[in-house]
Amino acid sequence: MTGRTVTRADLCEAVYQQVGLSRTESAALVEMVLSEIADCLAKGETVKLSSFGSFVVRNKGQRVGRNPKTGEEVPIEPRRVMVFKPSSILKNRINGRTGKASGRE
């Protein structure tokens, strides 16, 4: 593992290098895409990017948690959480494999 983090600036630079837009246009494009994804997720919609994965918003109900120091029970309010589910193609790419993800054909 390299420990490198890819930033917005890195994505903008990649668009600039590979697409040929100006740096300003590349930054605007990346911002528009990320903003659209965030807006859809905020509305509770699922964002599915083919061959990459899906961002899914899930509702978690209220539950009881415990303070680890005191053992006191504390209610945890209901909330929405975002989950990323990678596609089988992305999973294979991460693991250095090609072809189908499972034995099913």
Protein backbone atom coordinates (compact mmCIF):
# COMPACT_ATOMS: atom_id res chain seq x y z
CA MET A 1 0.00 0.00 0.00
CA THR A 2 1.35 3.37 -0.94
CA GLY A 3 -0.72 5.45 1.47
CA ARG A 4 -1.22 8.13 -1.20
CA THR A 5 -4.48 10.06 -1.13
CA VAL A 6 -5.98 11.30 -4.39
CA THR A 7 -7.35 14.83 -4.00
CA ARG A 8 -9.71 16.99 -6.03
CA ALA A 9 -6.65 18.77 -7.39
CA ASP A 10 -5.27 15.41 -8.56
CA LEU A 11 -8.54 14.61 -10.33
CA CYS A 12 -8.58 18.05 -11.97
CA GLU A 13 -4.99 17.57 -13.14
CA ALA A 14 -5.85 14.12 -14.57
CA VAL A 15 -8.77 15.60 -16.54
CA TYR A 16 -6.50 18.41 -17.73
CA GLN A 17 -3.80 15.96 -18.88
CA GLN A 18 -6.06 13.35 -20.47
CA VAL A 19 -9.02 15.31 -21.86
CA GLY A 20 -7.27 18.43 -22.96
CA LEU A 21 -9.53 20.99 -21.31
CA SER A 22 -7.94 24.02 -19.68
CA ARG A 23 -7.08 23.73 -16.00
CA THR A 24 -10.01 26.01 -15.14
CA GLU A 25 -12.44 23.99 -17.27
CA SER A 26 -11.08 20.72 -15.83
CA ALA A 27 -11.58 21.95 -12.27
CA ALA A 28 -15.12 23.13 -13.10
CA LEU A 29 -15.97 19.75 -14.67
CA VAL A 30 -14.71 17.78 -11.67
CA GLU A 31 -16.60 20.09 -9.29
CA MET A 32 -19.83 19.73 -11.31
CA VAL A 33 -19.61 15.92 -11.28
CA LEU A 34 -18.88 15.74 -7.54
CA SER A 35 -21.62 18.27 -6.78
CA GLU A 36 -24.18 16.31 -8.81
CA ILE A 37 -23.26 13.09 -6.99
CA ALA A 38 -23.50 14.82 -3.60
CA ASP A 39 -26.87 16.40 -4.48
CA CYS A 40 -28.32 13.05 -5.55
CA LEU A 41 -27.10 11.36 -2.37
CA ALA A 42 -28.50 14.17 -0.21
CA LYS A 43 -31.92 13.49 -1.81
CA GLY A 44 -31.58 9.81 -0.87
CA GLU A 45 -30.98 8.60 -4.41
CA THR A 46 -28.60 5.78 -5.29
CA VAL A 47 -25.70 6.77 -7.55
CA LYS A 48 -24.58 3.87 -9.76
CA LEU A 49 -21.44 4.26 -11.85
CA SER A 50 -21.16 1.37 -14.28
CA SER A 51 -17.96 -0.70 -13.89
CA PHE A 52 -17.12 1.28 -10.74
CA GLY A 53 -19.76 0.83 -8.06
CA SER A 54 -22.79 2.27 -6.30
CA PHE A 55 -23.18 4.87 -3.59
CA VAL A 56 -26.26 3.96 -1.55
CA VAL A 57 -27.93 5.96 1.23
CA ARG A 58 -29.35 3.78 4.01
CA ASN A 59 -31.52 4.69 6.98
CA LYS A 60 -30.35 3.47 10.37
CA GLY A 61 -32.92 3.30 13.12
CA GLN A 62 -32.53 4.49 16.68
CA ARG A 63 -30.58 2.14 18.90
CA VAL A 64 -29.01 2.01 22.31
CA GLY A 65 -25.26 2.49 22.64
CA ARG A 66 -23.02 2.40 25.67
CA ASN A 67 -20.44 4.87 26.92
CA PRO A 68 -17.29 2.69 27.03
CA LYS A 69 -15.91 4.47 30.13
CA THR A 70 -19.02 4.45 32.32
CA GLY A 71 -21.13 1.70 30.76
CA GLU A 72 -24.05 4.14 30.75
CA GLU A 73 -26.67 3.46 28.07
CA VAL A 74 -27.07 6.30 25.59
CA PRO A 75 -29.67 6.49 22.82
CA ILE A 76 -28.20 6.88 19.32
CA GLU A 77 -30.54 8.89 17.13
CA PRO A 78 -31.76 7.58 13.76
CA ARG A 79 -29.63 8.78 10.88
CA ARG A 80 -28.77 8.23 7.26
CA VAL A 81 -25.45 6.72 6.24
CA MET A 82 -23.79 6.36 2.88
CA VAL A 83 -22.37 3.03 1.79
CA PHE A 84 -20.16 2.36 -1.24
CA LYS A 85 -20.58 -1.01 -2.94
CA PRO A 86 -17.80 -1.62 -5.49
CA SER A 87 -18.67 -3.40 -8.73
CA SER A 88 -17.23 -6.83 -9.42
CA ILE A 89 -15.10 -5.25 -12.16
CA LEU A 90 -13.55 -2.81 -9.66
CA LYS A 91 -13.02 -5.57 -7.10
CA ASN A 92 -11.16 -7.64 -9.69
CA ARG A 93 -9.06 -4.67 -10.77
CA ILE A 94 -8.08 -3.94 -7.16
CA ASN A 95 -7.08 -7.58 -6.70
CA GLY A 96 -5.14 -7.72 -9.98
CA ARG A 97 -7.53 -10.13 -11.65
CA THR A 98 -9.20 -9.92 -15.02
CA GLY A 99 -12.34 -11.58 -16.28
CA LYS A 100 -15.51 -12.44 -14.43
CA ALA A 101 -15.91 -11.68 -10.73
CA SER A 102 -17.36 -15.03 -9.70
CA GLY A 103 -17.71 -18.54 -10.96
CA ARG A 104 -21.11 -17.66 -12.42
CA GLU A 105 -21.15 -17.16 -16.18
